[in-house]
Amino acid sequence: MKRVIVGDSREKVLSTLEVILKHWGYRVVVSSSPEQIEALLLETSPDLLFMGAHLLQSGPTKLTQTVGDKTLGEKCPLVVLKENGRSFPANFPCESLDVPIGLFELYAMIQKYLEKTPRKNLRLDLKLPGVLYRDGAPHLSEILSLSEQGLFIRSAFRLAQNEPLQVIFPLMGMKKELEIEGRVLYNVLPAPENNYLQGSGVEFQHLTDQDHLCLQRFIERCFLGEMTPSERSRMDLTDDQVQDLDQDVSLKLISSH
């Protein structure tokens, strides 16, 4: 299991990153104490390090020296969490993330540094009713997974690779449905090794900016819905807040306060 260390003085940043990264299956240790962070870095070999910019801007300290040793000597990737416009240290090989942090930006960073075969898009398993238009005729279908760029759909017939089609499906809880053009990228045939899964992977085409925004909001909503009430409470998100997410405002998961 990949290990991640998060150091920051902002408690909401720590708690939210801890919840999300553990939900994604990583081992996470968080701390707001420079001395504790330094001890963790000396005792362990993390696969990825998140650090608040302010902890690296206080001049030469034992912590900054230890972080430098990890990033330069042991090649541990460093992601600096920005704060109040502070730039990240140019003497460290690192990348940075704005705070508040968007879910999709965080996912891309995690995939880049922690996965051997990174996924380009955050994909969620779900079950949505859909209508598949093929040669102008509608067919009932079921959407089994969804991302910003495509979906996996199960229908009563086999689709041809590169076949153009249209898919209409509801964004549950947002009082909206999307009608999107796409093409078939691949087919999955039922077999014992895939638990008799059958369906087709569809790539979206000609996606408008508004449709892309709606997809992002819906995926964020589904992601939060996957979490247990105890996980959401640690992120200061109540059930009402999860249900009432506004599709027109990007959900920022981590407060800067």
C-alpha atoms as a PDB file:
ATOM      1  CA  MET A   1       0.000   0.000   0.000  1.00  0.00           C
ATOM      2  CA  LYS A   2       1.415   3.386  -1.024  1.00  0.00           C
ATOM      3  CA  ARG A   3       2.231   5.765   1.850  1.00  0.00           C
ATOM      4  CA  VAL A   4       1.432   9.497   1.810  1.00  0.00           C
ATOM      5  CA  ILE A   5       2.525  12.087   4.380  1.00  0.00           C
ATOM      6  CA  VAL A   6       0.616  15.372   4.635  1.00  0.00           C
ATOM      7  CA  GLY A   7       2.027  18.296   6.611  1.00  0.00           C
ATOM      8  CA  ASP A   8      -0.002  21.485   7.045  1.00  0.00           C
ATOM      9  CA  SER A   9      -1.187  23.721   9.881  1.00  0.00           C
ATOM     10  CA  ARG A  10      -4.730  23.963   8.454  1.00  0.00           C
ATOM     11  CA  GLU A  11      -6.822  21.321  10.185  1.00  0.00           C
ATOM     12  CA  LYS A  12      -9.471  21.171   7.440  1.00  0.00           C
ATOM     13  CA  VAL A  13      -6.780  20.573   4.858  1.00  0.00           C
ATOM     14  CA  LEU A  14      -5.367  17.716   6.921  1.00  0.00           C
ATOM     15  CA  SER A  15      -8.701  16.075   7.734  1.00  0.00           C
ATOM     16  CA  THR A  16     -10.080  16.304   4.205  1.00  0.00           C
ATOM     17  CA  LEU A  17      -6.945  15.036   2.487  1.00  0.00           C
ATOM     18  CA  GLU A  18      -6.739  12.198   4.993  1.00  0.00           C
ATOM     19  CA  VAL A  19     -10.350  11.148   4.354  1.00  0.00           C
ATOM     20  CA  ILE A  20     -10.113  11.301   0.552  1.00  0.00           C
ATOM     21  CA  LEU A  21      -6.757   9.561   0.235  1.00  0.00           C
ATOM     22  CA  LYS A  22      -7.765   6.789   2.626  1.00  0.00           C
ATOM     23  CA  HIS A  23     -11.020   6.417   0.687  1.00  0.00           C
ATOM     24  CA  TRP A  24      -8.903   5.877  -2.433  1.00  0.00           C
ATOM     25  CA  GLY A  25      -6.960   3.142  -0.660  1.00  0.00           C
ATOM     26  CA  TYR A  26      -3.700   4.813   0.381  1.00  0.00           C
ATOM     27  CA  ARG A  27      -1.957   4.791   3.763  1.00  0.00           C
ATOM     28  CA  VAL A  28      -1.998   8.376   5.032  1.00  0.00           C
ATOM     29  CA  VAL A  29      -0.305  10.097   7.949  1.00  0.00           C
ATOM     30  CA  VAL A  30      -1.099  13.754   8.660  1.00  0.00           C
ATOM     31  CA  SER A  31       0.396  16.269  11.069  1.00  0.00           C
ATOM     32  CA  SER A  32       0.460  20.003  11.770  1.00  0.00           C
ATOM     33  CA  SER A  33       3.622  19.808  13.885  1.00  0.00           C
ATOM     34  CA  PRO A  34       6.929  20.570  12.091  1.00  0.00           C
ATOM     35  CA  GLU A  35       8.801  18.434  14.624  1.00  0.00           C
ATOM     36  CA  GLN A  36       6.461  15.478  14.100  1.00  0.00           C
ATOM     37  CA  ILE A  37       6.600  15.826  10.317  1.00  0.00           C
ATOM     38  CA  GLU A  38      10.393  15.846  10.460  1.00  0.00           C
ATOM     39  CA  ALA A  39      10.397  12.722  12.642  1.00  0.00           C
ATOM     40  CA  LEU A  40       7.997  10.954  10.251  1.00  0.00           C
ATOM     41  CA  LEU A  41      10.218  11.780   7.295  1.00  0.00           C
ATOM     42  CA  LEU A  42      13.307  10.510   9.098  1.00  0.00           C
ATOM     43  CA  GLU A  43      11.623   7.271  10.153  1.00  0.00           C
ATOM     44  CA  THR A  44       9.713   6.406   6.991  1.00  0.00           C
ATOM     45  CA  SER A  45      10.024   6.478   3.220  1.00  0.00           C
ATOM     46  CA  PRO A  46       6.802   7.985   1.852  1.00  0.00           C
ATOM     47  CA  ASP A  47       5.772   7.547  -1.766  1.00  0.00           C
ATOM     48  CA  LEU A  48       4.360  11.091  -1.905  1.00  0.00           C
ATOM     49  CA  LEU A  49       4.649  14.158   0.305  1.00  0.00           C
ATOM     50  CA  PHE A  50       2.177  17.051   0.600  1.00  0.00           C
ATOM     51  CA  MET A  51       3.471  20.129   2.433  1.00  0.00           C
ATOM     52  CA  GLY A  52       1.903  23.494   3.246  1.00  0.00           C
ATOM     53  CA  ALA A  53       3.862  26.331   1.625  1.00  0.00           C
ATOM     54  CA  HIS A  54       4.175  28.196   4.924  1.00  0.00           C
ATOM     55  CA  LEU A  55       6.097  25.289   6.472  1.00  0.00           C
ATOM     56  CA  LEU A  56       8.759  25.671   3.783  1.00  0.00           C
ATOM     57  CA  GLN A  57       8.928  29.487   3.851  1.00  0.00           C
ATOM     58  CA  SER A  58      10.245  30.056   7.348  1.00  0.00           C
ATOM     59  CA  GLY A  59      13.894  30.034   6.393  1.00  0.00           C
ATOM     60  CA  PRO A  60      16.384  27.182   6.755  1.00  0.00           C
ATOM     61  CA  THR A  61      15.117  24.744   9.394  1.00  0.00           C
ATOM     62  CA  LYS A  62      15.562  21.065  10.203  1.00  0.00           C
ATOM     63  CA  LEU A  63      12.250  20.387   8.492  1.00  0.00           C
ATOM     64  CA  THR A  64      13.181  22.139   5.245  1.00  0.00           C
ATOM     65  CA  GLN A  65      16.524  20.308   5.259  1.00  0.00           C
ATOM     66  CA  THR A  66      14.802  16.969   5.790  1.00  0.00           C
ATOM     67  CA  VAL A  67      12.266  17.700   3.045  1.00  0.00           C
ATOM     68  CA  GLY A  68      15.133  18.612   0.738  1.00  0.00           C
ATOM     69  CA  ASP A  69      16.904  15.348   1.544  1.00  0.00           C
ATOM     70  CA  LYS A  70      13.747  13.378   0.742  1.00  0.00           C
ATOM     71  CA  THR A  71      13.023  15.170  -2.521  1.00  0.00           C
ATOM     72  CA  LEU A  72      16.592  15.473  -3.780  1.00  0.00           C
ATOM     73  CA  GLY A  73      18.251  12.413  -2.261  1.00  0.00           C
ATOM     74  CA  GLU A  74      15.469   9.850  -2.148  1.00  0.00           C
ATOM     75  CA  LYS A  75      13.496  11.280  -5.099  1.00  0.00           C
ATOM     76  CA  CYS A  76      10.256  11.470  -3.108  1.00  0.00           C
ATOM     77  CA  PRO A  77       7.704  13.544  -5.070  1.00  0.00           C
ATOM     78  CA  LEU A  78       6.709  16.758  -3.292  1.00  0.00           C
ATOM     79  CA  VAL A  79       3.438  18.624  -3.777  1.00  0.00           C
ATOM     80  CA  VAL A  80       3.277  22.043  -2.117  1.00  0.00           C
ATOM     81  CA  LEU A  81      -0.133  23.251  -0.934  1.00  0.00           C
ATOM     82  CA  LYS A  82      -0.320  26.983  -1.623  1.00  0.00           C
ATOM     83  CA  GLU A  83      -1.430  29.457   1.018  1.00  0.00           C
ATOM     84  CA  ASN A  84      -2.351  33.128   0.675  1.00  0.00           C
ATOM     85  CA  GLY A  85      -0.540  33.446  -2.631  1.00  0.00           C
ATOM     86  CA  ARG A  86       2.769  32.209  -1.265  1.00  0.00           C
ATOM     87  CA  SER A  87       4.941  30.697  -3.964  1.00  0.00           C
ATOM     88  CA  PHE A  88       6.532  27.322  -3.501  1.00  0.00           C
ATOM     89  CA  PRO A  89      10.299  27.096  -2.952  1.00  0.00           C
ATOM     90  CA  ALA A  90      12.258  27.170  -6.207  1.00  0.00           C
ATOM     91  CA  ASN A  91      15.118  25.174  -4.673  1.00  0.00           C
ATOM     92  CA  PHE A  92      12.933  22.093  -4.299  1.00  0.00           C
ATOM     93  CA  PRO A  93      11.840  19.888  -7.194  1.00  0.00           C
ATOM     94  CA  CYS A  94       8.090  20.015  -6.652  1.00  0.00           C
ATOM     95  CA  GLU A  95       4.655  20.739  -8.000  1.00  0.00           C
ATOM     96  CA  SER A  96       1.958  22.812  -6.371  1.00  0.00           C
ATOM     97  CA  LEU A  97      -1.793  22.753  -5.809  1.00  0.00           C
ATOM     98  CA  ASP A  98      -4.053  25.680  -5.056  1.00  0.00           C
ATOM     99  CA  VAL A  99      -6.075  25.616  -1.847  1.00  0.00           C
ATOM    100  CA  PRO A 100      -9.049  25.129  -1.907  1.00  0.00           C
ATOM    101  CA  ILE A 101      -8.219  21.979  -3.861  1.00  0.00           C
ATOM    102  CA  GLY A 102     -10.490  20.645  -6.567  1.00  0.00           C
ATOM    103  CA  LEU A 103     -11.269  16.933  -6.603  1.00  0.00           C
ATOM    104  CA  PHE A 104     -10.162  16.432 -10.203  1.00  0.00           C
ATOM    105  CA  GLU A 105      -6.841  18.231  -9.740  1.00  0.00           C
ATOM    106  CA  LEU A 106      -6.096  16.133  -6.667  1.00  0.00           C
ATOM    107  CA  TYR A 107      -7.017  12.914  -8.485  1.00  0.00           C
ATOM    108  CA  ALA A 108      -4.715  13.762 -11.406  1.00  0.00           C
ATOM    109  CA  MET A 109      -1.801  14.422  -9.042  1.00  0.00           C
ATOM    110  CA  ILE A 110      -2.368  11.174  -7.147  1.00  0.00           C
ATOM    111  CA  GLN A 111      -2.583   9.145 -10.346  1.00  0.00           C
ATOM    112  CA  LYS A 112       0.601  10.733 -11.678  1.00  0.00           C
ATOM    113  CA  TYR A 113       2.743   9.859  -8.682  1.00  0.00           C
ATOM    114  CA  LEU A 114       1.207   6.781  -7.075  1.00  0.00           C
ATOM    115  CA  GLU A 115      -0.101   4.573  -9.882  1.00  0.00           C
ATOM    116  CA  LYS A 116       1.972   2.513 -12.322  1.00  0.00           C
ATOM    117  CA  THR A 117      -0.754   2.878 -14.943  1.00  0.00           C
ATOM    118  CA  PRO A 118      -2.319   6.291 -14.259  1.00  0.00           C
ATOM    119  CA  ARG A 119      -5.918   6.901 -15.230  1.00  0.00           C
ATOM    120  CA  LYS A 120      -6.603  10.141 -17.049  1.00  0.00           C
ATOM    121  CA  ASN A 121     -10.070  10.636 -15.599  1.00  0.00           C
ATOM    122  CA  LEU A 122     -11.794  10.017 -12.297  1.00  0.00           C
ATOM    123  CA  ARG A 123     -14.266   7.231 -13.043  1.00  0.00           C
ATOM    124  CA  LEU A 124     -17.122   6.186 -10.787  1.00  0.00           C
ATOM    125  CA  ASP A 125     -19.097   2.963 -10.766  1.00  0.00           C
ATOM    126  CA  LEU A 126     -22.841   3.575 -10.696  1.00  0.00           C
ATOM    127  CA  LYS A 127     -26.137   2.481 -12.212  1.00  0.00           C
ATOM    128  CA  LEU A 128     -28.052   4.998 -14.283  1.00  0.00           C
ATOM    129  CA  PRO A 129     -30.908   4.438 -16.718  1.00  0.00           C
ATOM    130  CA  GLY A 130     -30.145   5.664 -20.204  1.00  0.00           C
ATOM    131  CA  VAL A 131     -31.512   5.872 -23.709  1.00  0.00           C
ATOM    132  CA  LEU A 132     -29.141   4.886 -26.482  1.00  0.00           C
ATOM    133  CA  TYR A 133     -29.909   6.279 -29.934  1.00  0.00           C
ATOM    134  CA  ARG A 134     -28.547   4.067 -32.683  1.00  0.00           C
ATOM    135  CA  ASP A 135     -29.365   4.890 -36.316  1.00  0.00           C
ATOM    136  CA  GLY A 136     -32.032   7.250 -35.012  1.00  0.00           C
ATOM    137  CA  ALA A 137     -33.853   4.570 -33.014  1.00  0.00           C
ATOM    138  CA  PRO A 138     -34.019   4.708 -29.177  1.00  0.00           C
ATOM    139  CA  HIS A 139     -33.039   1.730 -27.027  1.00  0.00           C
ATOM    140  CA  LEU A 140     -33.206   1.428 -23.246  1.00  0.00           C
ATOM    141  CA  SER A 141     -29.808   0.830 -21.660  1.00  0.00           C
ATOM    142  CA  GLU A 142     -27.935   0.993 -18.372  1.00  0.00           C
ATOM    143  CA  ILE A 143     -24.857   3.101 -17.617  1.00  0.00           C
ATOM    144  CA  LEU A 144     -22.455   1.266 -15.308  1.00  0.00           C
ATOM    145  CA  SER A 145     -19.607   3.778 -14.982  1.00  0.00           C
ATOM    146  CA  LEU A 146     -19.053   7.439 -15.805  1.00  0.00           C
ATOM    147  CA  SER A 147     -16.164   9.882 -16.179  1.00  0.00           C
ATOM    148  CA  GLU A 148     -15.664  13.368 -17.617  1.00  0.00           C
ATOM    149  CA  GLN A 149     -14.771  11.921 -21.004  1.00  0.00           C
ATOM    150  CA  GLY A 150     -16.875   8.793 -21.398  1.00  0.00           C
ATOM    151  CA  LEU A 151     -18.993   6.013 -19.955  1.00  0.00           C
ATOM    152  CA  PHE A 152     -19.503   2.264 -19.926  1.00  0.00           C
ATOM    153  CA  ILE A 153     -22.950   1.216 -21.090  1.00  0.00           C
ATOM    154  CA  ARG A 154     -24.859  -2.060 -21.166  1.00  0.00           C
ATOM    155  CA  SER A 155     -27.448  -2.594 -23.870  1.00  0.00           C
ATOM    156  CA  ALA A 156     -29.399  -5.467 -25.408  1.00  0.00           C
ATOM    157  CA  PHE A 157     -27.121  -5.705 -28.429  1.00  0.00           C
ATOM    158  CA  ARG A 158     -23.460  -5.547 -29.355  1.00  0.00           C
ATOM    159  CA  LEU A 159     -22.136  -2.253 -30.687  1.00  0.00           C
ATOM    160  CA  ALA A 160     -19.462  -2.013 -33.346  1.00  0.00           C
ATOM    161  CA  GLN A 161     -16.119  -0.417 -32.547  1.00  0.00           C
ATOM    162  CA  ASN A 162     -16.029   3.272 -33.631  1.00  0.00           C
ATOM    163  CA  GLU A 163     -19.793   3.233 -34.115  1.00  0.00           C
ATOM    164  CA  PRO A 164     -21.297   6.731 -33.599  1.00  0.00           C
ATOM    165  CA  LEU A 165     -24.251   7.077 -31.246  1.00  0.00           C
ATOM    166  CA  GLN A 166     -26.118   9.371 -28.893  1.00  0.00           C
ATOM    167  CA  VAL A 167     -26.756   8.738 -25.207  1.00  0.00           C
ATOM    168  CA  ILE A 168     -29.324  10.460 -23.004  1.00  0.00           C
ATOM    169  CA  PHE A 169     -29.151   9.975 -19.239  1.00  0.00           C
ATOM    170  CA  PRO A 170     -30.355  11.821 -16.123  1.00  0.00           C
ATOM    171  CA  LEU A 171     -28.110  13.536 -13.615  1.00  0.00           C
ATOM    172  CA  MET A 172     -29.905  12.256 -10.541  1.00  0.00           C
ATOM    173  CA  GLY A 173     -30.506  14.942  -7.926  1.00  0.00           C
ATOM    174  CA  MET A 174     -29.658  17.804 -10.294  1.00  0.00           C
ATOM    175  CA  LYS A 175     -32.985  17.932 -12.188  1.00  0.00           C
ATOM    176  CA  LYS A 176     -31.135  17.716 -15.476  1.00  0.00           C
ATOM    177  CA  GLU A 177     -30.402  15.218 -18.203  1.00  0.00           C
ATOM    178  CA  LEU A 178     -27.578  15.171 -20.722  1.00  0.00           C
ATOM    179  CA  GLU A 179     -27.744  14.303 -24.387  1.00  0.00           C
ATOM    180  CA  ILE A 180     -24.234  13.539 -25.589  1.00  0.00           C
ATOM    181  CA  GLU A 181     -22.727  12.322 -28.839  1.00  0.00           C
ATOM    182  CA  GLY A 182     -20.090   9.612 -28.655  1.00  0.00           C
ATOM    183  CA  ARG A 183     -18.336   6.744 -30.353  1.00  0.00           C
ATOM    184  CA  VAL A 184     -17.667   3.177 -29.257  1.00  0.00           C
ATOM    185  CA  LEU A 185     -14.055   2.634 -28.149  1.00  0.00           C
ATOM    186  CA  TYR A 186     -14.241  -1.012 -27.100  1.00  0.00           C
ATOM    187  CA  ASN A 187     -16.573  -3.870 -26.223  1.00  0.00           C
ATOM    188  CA  VAL A 188     -16.515  -6.261 -23.270  1.00  0.00           C
ATOM    189  CA  LEU A 189     -17.959  -9.743 -23.780  1.00  0.00           C
ATOM    190  CA  PRO A 190     -19.369 -11.710 -20.821  1.00  0.00           C
ATOM    191  CA  ALA A 191     -16.989 -14.310 -19.398  1.00  0.00           C
ATOM    192  CA  PRO A 192     -16.302 -15.961 -16.014  1.00  0.00           C
ATOM    193  CA  GLU A 193     -13.115 -13.891 -15.483  1.00  0.00           C
ATOM    194  CA  ASN A 194     -15.052 -10.586 -15.691  1.00  0.00           C
ATOM    195  CA  ASN A 195     -18.073 -11.858 -13.746  1.00  0.00           C
ATOM    196  CA  TYR A 196     -20.061 -11.974 -16.992  1.00  0.00           C
ATOM    197  CA  LEU A 197     -19.895  -8.232 -17.489  1.00  0.00           C
ATOM    198  CA  GLN A 198     -21.163  -7.122 -20.894  1.00  0.00           C
ATOM    199  CA  GLY A 199     -21.146  -3.691 -22.429  1.00  0.00           C
ATOM    200  CA  SER A 200     -19.329  -1.028 -24.411  1.00  0.00           C
ATOM    201  CA  GLY A 201     -16.940   1.782 -23.562  1.00  0.00           C
ATOM    202  CA  VAL A 202     -18.064   5.051 -25.141  1.00  0.00           C
ATOM    203  CA  GLU A 203     -15.936   8.168 -25.660  1.00  0.00           C
ATOM    204  CA  PHE A 204     -17.785  11.493 -25.566  1.00  0.00           C
ATOM    205  CA  GLN A 205     -17.496  13.741 -28.608  1.00  0.00           C
ATOM    206  CA  HIS A 206     -18.395  17.408 -29.156  1.00  0.00           C
ATOM    207  CA  LEU A 207     -18.913  17.898 -25.424  1.00  0.00           C
ATOM    208  CA  THR A 208     -19.917  21.488 -24.643  1.00  0.00           C
ATOM    209  CA  ASP A 209     -18.339  23.436 -21.798  1.00  0.00           C
ATOM    210  CA  GLN A 210     -21.679  23.493 -19.969  1.00  0.00           C
ATOM    211  CA  ASP A 211     -22.155  19.723 -20.327  1.00  0.00           C
ATOM    212  CA  HIS A 212     -18.594  19.151 -19.096  1.00  0.00           C
ATOM    213  CA  LEU A 213     -19.255  21.354 -16.068  1.00  0.00           C
ATOM    214  CA  CYS A 214     -22.476  19.478 -15.282  1.00  0.00           C
ATOM    215  CA  LEU A 215     -20.650  16.144 -15.547  1.00  0.00           C
ATOM    216  CA  GLN A 216     -17.983  17.331 -13.120  1.00  0.00           C
ATOM    217  CA  ARG A 217     -20.583  18.466 -10.588  1.00  0.00           C
ATOM    218  CA  PHE A 218     -22.460  15.196 -10.893  1.00  0.00           C
ATOM    219  CA  ILE A 219     -19.288  13.108 -10.466  1.00  0.00           C
ATOM    220  CA  GLU A 220     -18.300  15.161  -7.410  1.00  0.00           C
ATOM    221  CA  ARG A 221     -21.760  14.587  -5.975  1.00  0.00           C
ATOM    222  CA  CYS A 222     -21.554  10.825  -6.591  1.00  0.00           C
ATOM    223  CA  PHE A 223     -18.067  10.722  -5.090  1.00  0.00           C
ATOM    224  CA  LEU A 224     -19.283  12.335  -1.879  1.00  0.00           C
ATOM    225  CA  GLY A 225     -22.269  10.003  -1.868  1.00  0.00           C
ATOM    226  CA  GLU A 226     -19.889   7.022  -1.789  1.00  0.00           C
ATOM    227  CA  MET A 227     -18.488   8.180   1.531  1.00  0.00           C
ATOM    228  CA  THR A 228     -19.885   7.150   4.875  1.00  0.00           C
ATOM    229  CA  PRO A 229     -21.549   9.762   7.142  1.00  0.00           C
ATOM    230  CA  SER A 230     -18.525   9.609   9.459  1.00  0.00           C
ATOM    231  CA  GLU A 231     -16.163  10.381   6.558  1.00  0.00           C
ATOM    232  CA  ARG A 232     -18.286  13.303   5.425  1.00  0.00           C
ATOM    233  CA  SER A 233     -18.524  14.667   8.952  1.00  0.00           C
ATOM    234  CA  ARG A 234     -14.728  14.759   9.161  1.00  0.00           C
ATOM    235  CA  MET A 235     -14.793  16.898   6.019  1.00  0.00           C
ATOM    236  CA  ASP A 236     -17.413  19.206   7.604  1.00  0.00           C
ATOM    237  CA  LEU A 237     -19.988  18.165   5.007  1.00  0.00           C
ATOM    238  CA  THR A 238     -23.466  17.293   6.219  1.00  0.00           C
ATOM    239  CA  ASP A 239     -25.965  15.114   4.356  1.00  0.00           C
ATOM    240  CA  ASP A 240     -27.933  18.253   3.476  1.00  0.00           C
ATOM    241  CA  GLN A 241     -24.861  19.869   1.955  1.00  0.00           C
ATOM    242  CA  VAL A 242     -24.179  16.773  -0.138  1.00  0.00           C
ATOM    243  CA  GLN A 243     -27.773  16.744  -1.390  1.00  0.00           C
ATOM    244  CA  ASP A 244     -27.907  20.472  -2.138  1.00  0.00           C
ATOM    245  CA  LEU A 245     -24.702  20.883  -4.163  1.00  0.00           C
ATOM    246  CA  ASP A 246     -25.189  23.556  -6.818  1.00  0.00           C
ATOM    247  CA  GLN A 247     -24.419  22.286 -10.308  1.00  0.00           C
ATOM    248  CA  ASP A 248     -23.219  25.739 -11.364  1.00  0.00           C
ATOM    249  CA  VAL A 249     -20.552  26.125  -8.679  1.00  0.00           C
ATOM    250  CA  SER A 250     -17.429  24.003  -8.625  1.00  0.00           C
ATOM    251  CA  LEU A 251     -17.196  21.991  -5.449  1.00  0.00           C
ATOM    252  CA  LYS A 252     -13.984  22.803  -3.623  1.00  0.00           C
ATOM    253  CA  LEU A 253     -13.389  20.074  -1.112  1.00  0.00           C
ATOM    254  CA  ILE A 254     -10.802  21.735   1.084  1.00  0.00           C
ATOM    255  CA  SER A 255     -11.232  25.010   2.903  1.00  0.00           C
ATOM    256  CA  SER A 256      -8.255  27.310   3.241  1.00  0.00           C
ATOM    257  CA  HIS A 257      -9.211  28.189   6.832  1.00  0.00           C
END
